[in-house]
């Protein structure tokens, strides 16, 4: 990534708002040419600049690269040529009209571009946008989910349908026309759209403004953006992290500008989002997780088991009568971190090894010594482990596939990056198989018979028989069978967790194994458990869990429903044909 690191004279002393060195990237990504454009050009921005743009040529039209570059050049040139005038919405609109005319001039064909525009004034920041490129105003704070003060609202068909009440936000996530925009700057068009504008004087030192094209937004979610920008890393490192996500995952061009406020002596009691005669679209404060996303549908089971068990790993229980949560002493461990890593792997199909190292290094935990060395290694290799780490992280695999054969193969792949010992692989496969069989409606007896026959585990013991002599054990062969037995004896999700922890063993890992199976079988986890779990998870984890559900469960439900409807129509058609033939 080429981040802008040039220097220039400090802004005039009359300025109330000062900025750090702006940082930018613009990359072709997976496309054959870059249809994004930024202003100032890459490497040209300094802390003395006050005007920034990111534009994205419309992919469905020829000459997207010409359009985006024309928009950046025309608006900036017009404003520089009229610098003697005070900047306001009228001047911006004149620059926009000039740009429409310029697009008509440079191309006989229809070309178009999105626009994100940011202008730093003496006492406020002015934002304008057209299309689905986006601008964020972020104020890093202790609670990441509260850090987004403002984000532009995409001009898209999906958002219009939501606003009209035609679809819900949940339905929008699976909508087939997510990339259809309703406003842009376009040549030779009958209607020239005005930009949506916003102006704020609520500016503090440390605030970020982030402009980006939709290629960035493919995988840099609000959760990830907040997590990165609220971290203690340098600005350069933050942009490197964002660019790395785009480079690894984006299927589009991707471009962005990051501007950090270093000084602001503005009064903090001034109104936000209001400016003289501006027609302002003031958006509400953005909540990272709306009500429909507050509690993910799956993967809670294994994670809740881990959190409940985290306290009792070092305070062994030999009874089912104990508090599930013990304040801050109940927390997610490496079991949860690696479970989320596995879910991310299945979502992205990226290197599991790389993903596990990424999560493991970003979320320090009480990793075993061998696994810790593996996390830090430049060229990590499996270390022939039969430990239960392979089983604790595998629950997403049990949900992701349509056949048992696929499930077993993926469980093997999940295990053998570290745990390539036969017992390590077996533990992961047995756990994933239990989850697959449970979610597909198999009885406990069928699950028991399959696991005993396939993997040779003795599941005929009872928890009462195991409990008196059982002790802490970190092997697959010494924890996976016991965790499955706890599930088999249970009557609901909570009783399964209580039973497995009551054995007095490796409580967090056994809780994760049993909890993952119990969730798949019972389909219900008490609301208070879910809420306690969500309180303790980073937003990034919650986002991954929800995306996982949408990809592997929600789509499966929808597909099944369509298949059933198709069969009904087929049945009706056959009945109708039979009726007509019999007449």
Protein backbone atom coordinates (compact mmCIF):
# COMPACT_ATOMS: atom_id res chain seq x y z
CA UNK A 1 0.00 0.00 0.00
CA UNK A 2 1.23 3.50 -0.80
CA UNK A 3 0.15 5.73 2.07
CA UNK A 4 0.65 9.45 1.64
CA UNK A 5 3.43 10.64 3.94
CA UNK A 6 4.58 13.91 2.41
CA UNK A 7 4.78 17.11 4.40
CA UNK A 8 3.54 20.64 3.75
CA UNK A 9 3.07 23.96 5.53
CA UNK A 10 0.67 23.90 8.42
CA UNK A 11 -2.79 25.27 7.75
CA UNK A 12 -3.32 28.96 8.26
CA UNK A 13 -3.70 29.96 11.85
CA UNK A 14 -7.21 31.16 11.16
CA UNK A 15 -8.30 27.53 10.84
CA UNK A 16 -10.03 26.08 13.85
CA UNK A 17 -9.71 22.52 12.56
CA UNK A 18 -6.39 20.90 11.76
CA UNK A 19 -5.71 17.43 10.43
CA UNK A 20 -2.93 14.86 10.44
CA UNK A 21 -1.23 13.62 7.32
CA UNK A 22 -4.08 12.14 5.19
CA UNK A 23 -3.63 8.53 4.15
CA UNK A 24 -5.00 6.89 1.03
CA UNK A 25 -4.99 3.81 -1.16
CA UNK A 26 -6.55 3.04 -4.53
CA UNK A 27 -6.11 -0.39 -6.06
CA UNK A 28 -7.40 -2.28 -9.09
CA UNK A 29 -8.17 -5.36 -6.96
CA UNK A 30 -9.82 -8.23 -8.83
CA UNK A 31 -10.84 -6.11 -11.83
CA UNK A 32 -8.84 -5.63 -15.03
CA UNK A 33 -8.74 -1.83 -14.63
CA UNK A 34 -9.25 0.66 -11.82
CA UNK A 35 -12.53 2.56 -12.18
CA UNK A 36 -12.05 4.29 -8.82
CA UNK A 37 -10.54 7.75 -8.50
CA UNK A 38 -9.41 9.78 -5.50
CA UNK A 39 -8.60 13.40 -4.83
CA UNK A 40 -5.93 14.47 -4.01
CA UNK A 41 -4.09 11.97 -6.17
CA UNK A 42 -2.22 9.18 -4.42
CA UNK A 43 0.87 10.60 -2.77
CA UNK A 44 -0.18 14.23 -3.24
CA UNK A 45 -2.25 14.91 -0.10
CA UNK A 46 -0.81 16.79 2.86
CA UNK A 47 -2.09 18.01 6.20
CA UNK A 48 -2.71 21.38 4.55
CA UNK A 49 -5.44 20.00 2.27
CA UNK A 50 -9.09 20.60 3.02
CA UNK A 51 -10.83 18.89 0.10
CA UNK A 52 -11.08 15.11 -0.36
CA UNK A 53 -13.04 12.85 -2.74
CA UNK A 54 -13.44 9.17 -3.52
CA UNK A 55 -15.35 8.28 -6.69
CA UNK A 56 -16.29 4.96 -8.25
CA UNK A 57 -17.08 4.60 -11.94
CA UNK A 58 -20.35 2.76 -12.53
CA UNK A 59 -19.50 -0.75 -13.57
CA UNK A 60 -22.46 -1.25 -15.86
CA UNK A 61 -21.47 1.66 -18.07
CA UNK A 62 -18.49 1.96 -20.39
CA UNK A 63 -15.82 4.40 -19.41
CA UNK A 64 -16.24 4.11 -15.64
CA UNK A 65 -12.60 5.11 -15.17
CA UNK A 66 -13.07 8.18 -17.34
CA UNK A 67 -16.17 9.18 -15.39
CA UNK A 68 -14.65 8.87 -11.91
CA UNK A 69 -11.50 10.77 -12.86
CA UNK A 70 -13.55 13.46 -14.59
CA UNK A 71 -15.69 13.97 -11.48
CA UNK A 72 -12.64 14.36 -9.24
CA UNK A 73 -10.89 16.70 -11.67
CA UNK A 74 -13.94 18.84 -12.51
CA UNK A 75 -15.15 19.45 -8.97
CA UNK A 76 -11.70 20.19 -7.58
CA UNK A 77 -10.77 22.48 -10.49
CA UNK A 78 -14.01 24.43 -10.25
CA UNK A 79 -13.62 25.00 -6.52
CA UNK A 80 -9.97 26.00 -6.85
CA UNK A 81 -10.87 28.46 -9.60
CA UNK A 82 -13.55 30.00 -7.38
CA UNK A 83 -11.54 30.02 -4.18
CA UNK A 84 -12.27 33.72 -3.67
CA UNK A 85 -15.85 32.79 -2.83
CA UNK A 86 -16.81 31.41 0.58
CA UNK A 87 -17.62 27.74 0.36
CA UNK A 88 -21.28 26.89 0.83
CA UNK A 89 -23.89 24.57 -0.61
CA UNK A 90 -24.57 26.97 -3.49
CA UNK A 91 -20.93 26.90 -4.57
CA UNK A 92 -20.86 23.11 -4.28
CA UNK A 93 -23.98 22.81 -6.45
CA UNK A 94 -22.39 25.00 -9.10
CA UNK A 95 -19.33 22.74 -9.09
CA UNK A 96 -21.61 19.71 -9.42
CA UNK A 97 -23.49 21.27 -12.37
CA UNK A 98 -20.15 22.04 -14.02
CA UNK A 99 -19.20 18.38 -13.57
CA UNK A 100 -22.38 17.11 -15.24
CA UNK A 101 -21.60 19.36 -18.21
CA UNK A 102 -18.01 18.16 -18.29
CA UNK A 103 -19.12 14.51 -18.40
CA UNK A 104 -21.35 15.34 -21.37
CA UNK A 105 -18.39 16.97 -23.08
CA UNK A 106 -15.76 14.25 -22.55
CA UNK A 107 -17.88 11.34 -23.75
CA UNK A 108 -20.56 10.78 -26.35
CA UNK A 109 -21.57 7.62 -24.48
CA UNK A 110 -23.30 7.30 -21.14
CA UNK A 111 -20.72 7.27 -18.39
CA UNK A 112 -21.24 7.75 -14.68
CA UNK A 113 -19.69 7.76 -11.24
CA UNK A 114 -20.51 7.83 -7.57
CA UNK A 115 -19.22 10.68 -5.42
CA UNK A 116 -18.11 11.08 -1.83
CA UNK A 117 -17.01 14.61 -1.02
CA UNK A 118 -15.55 16.10 2.16
CA UNK A 119 -14.63 19.73 2.73
CA UNK A 120 -12.99 20.90 5.95
CA UNK A 121 -14.09 24.46 6.75
CA UNK A 122 -12.98 26.87 9.46
CA UNK A 123 -15.69 25.78 11.87
CA UNK A 124 -17.31 22.65 10.43
CA UNK A 125 -17.02 19.72 8.06
CA UNK A 126 -19.18 19.53 4.93
CA UNK A 127 -20.04 16.14 3.41
CA UNK A 128 -21.84 15.34 0.16
CA UNK A 129 -22.47 12.06 -1.62
CA UNK A 130 -24.19 10.41 -4.57
CA UNK A 131 -24.37 6.63 -5.00
CA UNK A 132 -23.06 3.86 -2.77
CA UNK A 133 -19.57 5.06 -1.96
CA UNK A 134 -19.57 6.06 1.68
CA UNK A 135 -18.31 8.57 4.26
CA UNK A 136 -17.96 7.82 7.97
CA UNK A 137 -17.43 10.14 10.93
CA UNK A 138 -15.92 8.04 13.69
CA UNK A 139 -14.94 9.06 17.20
CA UNK A 140 -12.87 6.33 18.87
CA UNK A 141 -14.24 5.55 22.29
CA UNK A 142 -14.26 2.82 24.88
CA UNK A 143 -17.33 1.15 23.42
CA UNK A 144 -16.56 0.52 19.76
CA UNK A 145 -20.20 0.09 18.79
CA UNK A 146 -20.87 3.72 19.76
CA UNK A 147 -18.00 5.20 17.77
CA UNK A 148 -19.82 5.87 14.48
CA UNK A 149 -21.31 9.34 14.80
CA UNK A 150 -22.46 9.48 11.20
CA UNK A 151 -22.38 7.52 7.96
CA UNK A 152 -23.86 8.39 4.61
CA UNK A 153 -26.90 6.45 3.53
CA UNK A 154 -26.33 4.66 0.22
CA UNK A 155 -28.48 5.73 -2.70
CA UNK A 156 -29.54 2.21 -3.59
CA UNK A 157 -32.65 0.32 -4.62
CA UNK A 158 -32.47 -1.74 -1.44
CA UNK A 159 -32.51 1.35 0.80
CA UNK A 160 -35.41 2.82 -1.14
CA UNK A 161 -37.40 -0.38 -0.66
CA UNK A 162 -36.61 -0.32 3.05
CA UNK A 163 -37.68 3.32 3.35
CA UNK A 164 -40.96 2.55 1.59
CA UNK A 165 -41.60 -0.41 3.89
CA UNK A 166 -41.47 -2.93 1.03
CA UNK A 167 -38.73 -5.02 2.65
CA UNK A 168 -37.16 -5.21 6.09
CA UNK A 169 -33.48 -4.68 6.83
CA UNK A 170 -33.18 -8.39 7.47
CA UNK A 171 -34.70 -9.22 4.07
CA UNK A 172 -32.37 -6.68 2.48
CA UNK A 173 -29.31 -8.69 3.45
CA UNK A 174 -30.39 -11.47 1.10
CA UNK A 175 -31.77 -9.19 -1.59
CA UNK A 176 -30.58 -9.89 -5.09
CA UNK A 177 -30.08 -6.28 -6.23
CA UNK A 178 -27.84 -4.98 -3.48
CA UNK A 179 -25.51 -3.27 -5.99
CA UNK A 180 -28.25 -1.37 -7.83
CA UNK A 181 -27.76 2.34 -7.16
CA UNK A 182 -30.48 4.94 -7.71
CA UNK A 183 -28.42 8.14 -7.88
CA UNK A 184 -25.13 8.99 -9.52
CA UNK A 185 -23.38 11.65 -11.58
CA UNK A 186 -24.09 10.56 -15.12
CA UNK A 187 -23.59 12.01 -18.57
CA UNK A 188 -26.41 12.60 -21.06
CA UNK A 189 -29.05 11.84 -18.45
CA UNK A 190 -32.55 13.29 -18.34
CA UNK A 191 -32.38 13.91 -14.60
CA UNK A 192 -29.37 15.43 -12.90
CA UNK A 193 -29.45 14.43 -9.26
CA UNK A 194 -28.54 16.72 -6.41
CA UNK A 195 -26.15 15.32 -3.84
CA UNK A 196 -27.25 14.53 -0.31
CA UNK A 197 -25.36 16.90 1.98
CA UNK A 198 -24.52 16.97 5.65
CA UNK A 199 -22.63 19.49 7.76
CA UNK A 200 -21.44 19.13 11.33
CA UNK A 201 -19.60 21.36 13.77
CA UNK A 202 -19.29 18.59 16.37
CA UNK A 203 -15.61 17.98 15.70
CA UNK A 204 -13.10 16.82 18.30
CA UNK A 205 -9.42 16.04 18.25
CA UNK A 206 -8.97 12.35 17.42
CA UNK A 207 -12.05 12.13 15.20
CA UNK A 208 -11.71 10.23 11.92
CA UNK A 209 -13.36 10.82 8.58
CA UNK A 210 -13.19 7.78 6.32
CA UNK A 211 -14.17 7.94 2.64
CA UNK A 212 -14.34 4.72 0.65
CA UNK A 213 -15.68 3.05 -2.47
CA UNK A 214 -18.01 0.05 -2.26
CA UNK A 215 -15.10 -2.31 -2.96
CA UNK A 216 -13.87 -1.55 0.56
CA UNK A 217 -17.31 -2.20 2.00
CA UNK A 218 -17.46 -5.75 0.65
CA UNK A 219 -15.60 -7.08 3.69
CA UNK A 220 -14.69 -4.08 5.82
CA UNK A 221 -17.88 -4.11 7.85
CA UNK A 222 -18.86 -1.45 10.34
CA UNK A 223 -17.66 -3.79 13.06
CA UNK A 224 -14.24 -4.25 11.48
CA UNK A 225 -13.86 -0.57 10.70
CA UNK A 226 -14.68 0.44 14.25
CA UNK A 227 -12.40 -2.20 15.71
CA UNK A 228 -9.46 -1.05 13.59
CA UNK A 229 -9.94 2.69 14.01
CA UNK A 230 -10.56 2.41 17.76
CA UNK A 231 -7.35 0.44 18.30
CA UNK A 232 -4.05 1.84 19.57
CA UNK A 233 -2.29 1.25 16.25
CA UNK A 234 -0.82 4.12 14.24
CA UNK A 235 -2.84 5.65 11.41
CA UNK A 236 -0.55 4.01 8.86
CA UNK A 237 -1.01 0.60 10.49
CA UNK A 238 -4.77 1.09 10.55
CA UNK A 239 -4.86 1.79 6.84
CA UNK A 240 -2.54 -1.14 6.20
CA UNK A 241 -5.02 -3.40 8.04
CA UNK A 242 -7.98 -2.08 6.05
CA UNK A 243 -6.14 -2.37 2.74
CA UNK A 244 -5.02 -5.91 3.60
CA UNK A 245 -8.62 -7.02 4.12
CA UNK A 246 -9.58 -5.56 0.76
CA UNK A 247 -6.55 -7.05 -1.00
CA UNK A 248 -7.31 -10.53 0.30
CA UNK A 249 -11.08 -10.57 -0.16
CA UNK A 250 -12.51 -7.82 -2.35
CA UNK A 251 -13.79 -8.68 -5.83
CA UNK A 252 -13.84 -5.01 -6.87
CA UNK A 253 -11.57 -2.00 -7.09
CA UNK A 254 -11.05 -0.52 -3.64
CA UNK A 255 -10.11 3.01 -2.63
CA UNK A 256 -10.20 5.05 0.55
CA UNK A 257 -9.06 8.19 2.32
CA UNK A 258 -8.49 8.45 6.06
CA UNK A 259 -8.43 11.91 7.64
CA UNK A 260 -7.78 12.37 11.37
CA UNK A 261 -8.54 15.56 13.25
CA UNK A 262 -5.55 16.65 15.33
CA UNK A 263 -6.84 19.95 16.67
CA UNK A 264 -10.24 21.52 17.11
CA UNK A 265 -11.08 24.49 19.27
CA UNK A 266 -14.72 24.47 18.29
CA UNK A 267 -17.39 24.79 20.92
CA UNK A 268 -18.82 21.41 21.77
CA UNK A 269 -22.29 22.73 22.51
CA UNK A 270 -23.06 23.64 18.93
CA UNK A 271 -25.72 21.82 16.98
CA UNK A 272 -24.65 18.85 14.90
CA UNK A 273 -25.91 18.42 11.38
CA UNK A 274 -27.23 21.93 10.81
CA UNK A 275 -25.93 24.68 8.61
CA UNK A 276 -27.52 27.96 7.52
CA UNK A 277 -29.61 27.35 4.44
CA UNK A 278 -28.47 23.77 3.82
CA UNK A 279 -31.06 21.20 3.01
CA UNK A 280 -29.61 18.59 5.30
CA UNK A 281 -30.33 14.89 5.40
CA UNK A 282 -29.36 14.24 8.99
CA UNK A 283 -29.02 10.54 9.63
CA UNK A 284 -29.51 9.07 13.10
CA UNK A 285 -26.65 7.73 15.12
CA UNK A 286 -25.64 4.39 13.67
CA UNK A 287 -25.98 1.35 15.88
CA UNK A 288 -23.69 -1.42 14.80
CA UNK A 289 -26.14 -4.17 15.54
CA UNK A 290 -29.84 -3.52 15.00
CA UNK A 291 -32.52 -5.37 16.90
CA UNK A 292 -32.72 -8.13 14.33
CA UNK A 293 -28.98 -8.75 14.61
CA UNK A 294 -28.55 -8.35 18.35
CA UNK A 295 -28.65 -12.07 19.04
CA UNK A 296 -27.23 -14.33 16.31
CA UNK A 297 -29.12 -17.52 15.61
CA UNK A 298 -26.27 -20.07 15.87
CA UNK A 299 -22.75 -20.61 17.25
CA UNK A 300 -23.96 -19.22 20.55
CA UNK A 301 -24.07 -22.79 21.91
CA UNK A 302 -20.34 -23.54 21.77
CA UNK A 303 -19.38 -20.01 22.80
CA UNK A 304 -21.76 -19.96 25.77
CA UNK A 305 -20.32 -23.29 26.92
CA UNK A 306 -16.83 -21.83 26.71
CA UNK A 307 -17.77 -18.69 28.67
CA UNK A 308 -19.64 -20.59 31.39
CA UNK A 309 -16.79 -23.10 31.65
CA UNK A 310 -14.03 -20.45 31.76
CA UNK A 311 -14.50 -19.86 35.50
CA UNK A 312 -14.74 -23.55 36.41
CA UNK A 313 -11.63 -24.60 34.51
CA UNK A 314 -9.69 -23.65 37.63
CA UNK A 315 -12.56 -24.12 40.12
CA UNK A 316 -13.64 -27.71 39.34
CA UNK A 317 -17.27 -28.56 40.02
CA UNK A 318 -18.67 -31.93 40.97
CA UNK A 319 -22.28 -30.81 41.04
CA UNK A 320 -24.81 -29.40 38.57
CA UNK A 321 -25.79 -26.70 41.07
CA UNK A 322 -23.58 -23.67 40.32
CA UNK A 323 -23.93 -20.13 38.92
CA UNK A 324 -23.59 -20.08 35.16
CA UNK A 325 -21.97 -16.64 35.06
CA UNK A 326 -19.55 -15.14 37.56
CA UNK A 327 -19.23 -11.51 36.50
CA UNK A 328 -16.04 -10.61 34.66
CA UNK A 329 -14.49 -13.95 35.68
CA UNK A 330 -16.72 -15.57 33.05
CA UNK A 331 -15.18 -14.67 29.71
CA UNK A 332 -14.51 -16.09 26.28
CA UNK A 333 -11.26 -17.99 25.85
CA UNK A 334 -9.19 -19.39 23.01
CA UNK A 335 -12.04 -21.85 22.39
CA UNK A 336 -14.26 -18.98 21.20
CA UNK A 337 -11.50 -17.19 19.30
CA UNK A 338 -10.71 -20.30 17.26
CA UNK A 339 -14.40 -21.11 16.77
CA UNK A 340 -14.87 -17.68 15.18
CA UNK A 341 -11.71 -18.24 13.12
CA UNK A 342 -13.20 -21.47 11.78
CA UNK A 343 -16.45 -19.68 10.94
CA UNK A 344 -14.51 -16.97 9.10
CA UNK A 345 -12.61 -19.68 7.19
CA UNK A 346 -15.84 -21.30 6.03
CA UNK A 347 -17.28 -17.90 5.06
CA UNK A 348 -14.29 -16.74 3.03
CA UNK A 349 -12.56 -19.98 1.92
CA UNK A 350 -9.29 -18.24 2.74
CA UNK A 351 -6.33 -20.04 4.32
CA UNK A 352 -7.40 -21.47 7.67
CA UNK A 353 -3.82 -21.32 8.86
CA UNK A 354 -3.60 -17.62 8.11
CA UNK A 355 -6.99 -16.85 9.62
CA UNK A 356 -6.19 -18.71 12.85
CA UNK A 357 -2.89 -16.89 13.18
CA UNK A 358 -4.62 -13.57 12.55
CA UNK A 359 -7.30 -14.11 15.19
CA UNK A 360 -4.92 -15.73 17.63
CA UNK A 361 -2.52 -12.81 17.54
CA UNK A 362 -5.25 -10.18 17.69
CA UNK A 363 -7.07 -11.85 20.57
CA UNK A 364 -4.50 -13.07 23.13
CA UNK A 365 -5.72 -15.85 25.40
CA UNK A 366 -4.46 -18.69 27.55
CA UNK A 367 -3.15 -20.66 24.60
CA UNK A 368 -1.21 -23.84 25.20
CA UNK A 369 2.54 -23.52 24.79
CA UNK A 370 2.74 -25.51 21.53
CA UNK A 371 -0.20 -23.69 20.00
CA UNK A 372 1.24 -20.34 21.09
CA UNK A 373 4.50 -21.15 19.31
CA UNK A 374 2.49 -22.18 16.25
CA UNK A 375 0.68 -18.82 16.28
CA UNK A 376 3.96 -16.92 16.31
CA UNK A 377 5.79 -19.04 13.73
CA UNK A 378 6.63 -17.65 10.28
CA UNK A 379 6.00 -21.05 8.70
CA UNK A 380 3.76 -22.94 11.16
CA UNK A 381 3.52 -26.70 10.83
CA UNK A 382 1.16 -29.20 12.48
CA UNK A 383 2.65 -30.64 15.65
CA UNK A 384 1.00 -34.09 15.89
CA UNK A 385 -1.28 -33.09 18.76
CA UNK A 386 -4.16 -35.17 20.11
CA UNK A 387 -5.30 -32.33 22.36
CA UNK A 388 -8.94 -31.24 22.49
CA UNK A 389 -8.20 -27.95 20.72
CA UNK A 390 -9.28 -29.54 17.45
CA UNK A 391 -12.71 -30.41 18.89
CA UNK A 392 -13.33 -27.15 20.73
CA UNK A 393 -13.17 -25.03 17.53
CA UNK A 394 -14.97 -27.25 15.05
CA UNK A 395 -18.65 -26.48 15.72
CA UNK A 396 -19.09 -24.20 12.63
CA UNK A 397 -18.16 -27.16 10.41
CA UNK A 398 -21.16 -29.10 11.73
CA UNK A 399 -23.49 -26.41 10.38
CA UNK A 400 -21.92 -25.58 7.04
CA UNK A 401 -22.43 -28.63 4.82
CA UNK A 402 -25.26 -30.59 3.27
CA UNK A 403 -23.78 -34.06 3.69
CA UNK A 404 -22.08 -35.97 6.48
CA UNK A 405 -19.20 -36.85 4.16
CA UNK A 406 -18.46 -33.17 3.48
CA UNK A 407 -18.70 -32.45 7.19
CA UNK A 408 -16.17 -35.12 8.10
CA UNK A 409 -13.73 -33.96 5.43
CA UNK A 410 -13.94 -30.32 6.53
CA UNK A 411 -13.51 -31.34 10.18
CA UNK A 412 -10.34 -33.18 9.19
CA UNK A 413 -9.06 -30.08 7.38
CA UNK A 414 -9.92 -27.93 10.39
CA UNK A 415 -8.01 -30.21 12.74
CA UNK A 416 -4.90 -31.10 10.82
CA UNK A 417 -3.41 -27.61 10.48
CA UNK A 418 -2.31 -28.21 14.07
CA UNK A 419 -3.75 -31.48 15.38
CA UNK A 420 -2.69 -33.98 12.72
CA UNK A 421 -2.54 -36.92 15.16
CA UNK A 422 -5.30 -39.50 14.40
CA UNK A 423 -6.89 -38.87 17.81
CA UNK A 424 -6.89 -35.13 17.23
CA UNK A 425 -8.61 -35.57 13.87
CA UNK A 426 -11.04 -38.12 15.32
CA UNK A 427 -12.09 -35.76 18.11
CA UNK A 428 -12.88 -32.98 15.65
CA UNK A 429 -14.75 -35.30 13.30
CA UNK A 430 -16.82 -36.86 16.09
CA UNK A 431 -17.85 -33.44 17.41
CA UNK A 432 -18.74 -32.09 13.96
CA UNK A 433 -20.65 -35.31 13.14
CA UNK A 434 -22.71 -34.96 16.32
CA UNK A 435 -23.65 -31.41 15.38
CA UNK A 436 -24.51 -32.39 11.80
CA UNK A 437 -26.65 -35.34 12.92
CA UNK A 438 -28.35 -33.27 15.62
CA UNK A 439 -29.27 -30.38 13.33
CA UNK A 440 -30.59 -32.75 10.67
CA UNK A 441 -33.07 -34.29 13.12
CA UNK A 442 -31.40 -37.54 14.18
CA UNK A 443 -32.36 -38.96 17.55
CA UNK A 444 -29.93 -39.22 20.45
CA UNK A 445 -29.91 -42.99 20.01
CA UNK A 446 -28.95 -42.68 16.34
CA UNK A 447 -26.22 -40.17 17.20
CA UNK A 448 -24.88 -42.47 19.92
CA UNK A 449 -24.84 -45.51 17.64
CA UNK A 450 -23.08 -43.64 14.84
CA UNK A 451 -20.35 -42.18 17.07
CA UNK A 452 -19.68 -45.49 18.83
CA UNK A 453 -19.58 -47.44 15.56
CA UNK A 454 -17.54 -44.92 13.57
CA UNK A 455 -15.08 -43.61 16.16
CA UNK A 456 -15.00 -46.34 18.80
CA UNK A 457 -15.89 -44.05 21.72
CA UNK A 458 -17.64 -45.70 24.70
CA UNK A 459 -20.79 -43.64 25.22
CA UNK A 460 -22.61 -46.17 27.43
CA UNK A 461 -21.34 -44.66 30.69
CA UNK A 462 -23.32 -42.11 32.71
CA UNK A 463 -22.21 -38.78 34.13
CA UNK A 464 -22.78 -40.15 37.65
CA UNK A 465 -20.38 -42.99 36.86
CA UNK A 466 -17.77 -40.70 35.32
CA UNK A 467 -17.87 -37.85 37.84
CA UNK A 468 -16.24 -39.37 40.98
CA UNK A 469 -12.94 -40.33 39.36
CA UNK A 470 -12.78 -37.87 36.48
CA UNK A 471 -10.12 -35.15 36.49
CA UNK A 472 -8.71 -32.43 34.27
CA UNK A 473 -7.81 -33.87 30.87
CA UNK A 474 -6.79 -31.99 27.71
CA UNK A 475 -6.81 -34.90 25.23
CA UNK A 476 -9.51 -35.54 22.66
CA UNK A 477 -9.84 -39.15 23.78
CA UNK A 478 -10.29 -38.02 27.39
CA UNK A 479 -12.80 -35.19 26.84
CA UNK A 480 -14.79 -35.65 23.63
CA UNK A 481 -16.61 -38.87 24.72
CA UNK A 482 -17.43 -37.36 28.12
CA UNK A 483 -18.72 -34.17 26.51
CA UNK A 484 -20.97 -36.18 24.18
CA UNK A 485 -22.28 -38.25 27.10
CA UNK A 486 -23.26 -35.04 28.92
CA UNK A 487 -25.29 -34.03 25.88
CA UNK A 488 -26.93 -37.47 25.61
CA UNK A 489 -28.09 -37.31 29.26
CA UNK A 490 -29.36 -33.74 29.05
CA UNK A 491 -32.96 -32.60 28.76
CA UNK A 492 -32.28 -29.12 27.36
CA UNK A 493 -29.40 -26.81 26.54
CA UNK A 494 -28.80 -25.55 30.06
CA UNK A 495 -28.82 -29.02 31.60
CA UNK A 496 -26.27 -30.16 29.00
CA UNK A 497 -23.86 -27.37 30.04
CA UNK A 498 -24.40 -28.08 33.72
CA UNK A 499 -23.77 -31.79 33.26
CA UNK A 500 -20.53 -31.41 31.30
CA UNK A 501 -19.06 -28.85 33.71
CA UNK A 502 -20.14 -30.93 36.72
CA UNK A 503 -17.66 -33.63 35.64
CA UNK A 504 -14.85 -31.40 36.92
CA UNK A 505 -12.60 -31.52 33.86
CA UNK A 506 -11.41 -29.06 31.20
CA UNK A 507 -14.59 -27.06 31.73
CA UNK A 508 -14.37 -24.39 29.03
CA UNK A 509 -13.47 -26.80 26.25
CA UNK A 510 -15.97 -29.44 27.34
CA UNK A 511 -18.58 -26.69 27.59
CA UNK A 512 -17.79 -25.65 24.01
CA UNK A 513 -18.05 -29.23 22.70
CA UNK A 514 -21.24 -30.10 24.57
CA UNK A 515 -22.76 -26.67 23.96
CA UNK A 516 -22.24 -26.87 20.22
CA UNK A 517 -24.00 -30.24 20.03
CA UNK A 518 -26.81 -29.24 22.39
CA UNK A 519 -27.54 -26.08 20.41
CA UNK A 520 -27.91 -28.10 17.20
CA UNK A 521 -30.19 -30.66 18.87
CA UNK A 522 -32.46 -28.52 21.05
CA UNK A 523 -32.58 -25.51 18.70
CA UNK A 524 -33.23 -23.31 21.73
CA UNK A 525 -30.90 -21.54 24.14
CA UNK A 526 -32.42 -19.54 27.03
CA UNK A 527 -32.63 -15.84 26.29
CA UNK A 528 -30.74 -14.82 29.43
CA UNK A 529 -27.80 -17.04 28.43
CA UNK A 530 -27.72 -15.49 24.97
CA UNK A 531 -27.77 -11.98 26.41
CA UNK A 532 -24.99 -12.73 28.89
CA UNK A 533 -22.87 -14.15 26.08
CA UNK A 534 -23.40 -11.18 23.74
CA UNK A 535 -22.29 -8.78 26.48
CA UNK A 536 -18.90 -10.47 26.49
CA UNK A 537 -18.18 -10.69 22.77
CA UNK A 538 -16.41 -8.23 20.46
CA UNK A 539 -18.61 -6.82 17.72
CA UNK A 540 -16.41 -8.49 15.13
CA UNK A 541 -17.37 -11.91 16.52
CA UNK A 542 -21.07 -11.07 16.49
CA UNK A 543 -20.81 -9.91 12.90
CA UNK A 544 -19.10 -13.15 11.84
CA UNK A 545 -21.75 -15.22 13.65
CA UNK A 546 -24.59 -13.41 11.92
CA UNK A 547 -22.96 -13.63 8.51
CA UNK A 548 -22.35 -17.33 9.09
CA UNK A 549 -26.02 -17.88 9.85
CA UNK A 550 -27.09 -15.97 6.77
CA UNK A 551 -24.79 -17.92 4.46
CA UNK A 552 -25.13 -21.46 5.79
CA UNK A 553 -28.49 -21.65 7.53
CA UNK A 554 -30.75 -18.90 6.25
CA UNK A 555 -29.99 -19.68 2.61
CA UNK A 556 -30.57 -23.37 3.29
CA UNK A 557 -33.97 -22.61 4.81
CA UNK A 558 -34.94 -20.44 1.85
CA UNK A 559 -33.75 -23.09 -0.63
CA UNK A 560 -35.74 -25.78 1.17
CA UNK A 561 -38.84 -23.62 1.15
CA UNK A 562 -38.52 -23.00 -2.60
CA UNK A 563 -38.00 -26.72 -3.20
CA UNK A 564 -41.14 -27.51 -1.24
CA UNK A 565 -43.11 -24.90 -3.17
CA UNK A 566 -41.76 -26.35 -6.44
CA UNK A 567 -42.88 -29.84 -5.40
CA UNK A 568 -46.34 -28.55 -4.51
CA UNK A 569 -46.66 -26.88 -7.90
CA UNK A 570 -45.43 -30.06 -9.60
CA UNK A 571 -47.94 -32.13 -7.61
CA UNK A 572 -50.74 -29.75 -8.51
CA UNK A 573 -49.72 -29.80 -12.18
CA UNK A 574 -49.78 -33.62 -12.22
CA UNK A 575 -53.16 -33.70 -10.51
CA UNK A 576 -54.52 -31.20 -13.03
CA UNK A 577 -53.17 -33.25 -15.97
CA UNK A 578 -54.71 -36.41 -14.47
CA UNK A 579 -58.04 -34.64 -14.04
CA UNK A 580 -58.03 -33.38 -17.62
CA UNK A 581 -57.14 -36.82 -18.96
CA UNK A 582 -59.96 -38.46 -17.05
CA UNK A 583 -62.62 -36.11 -18.35
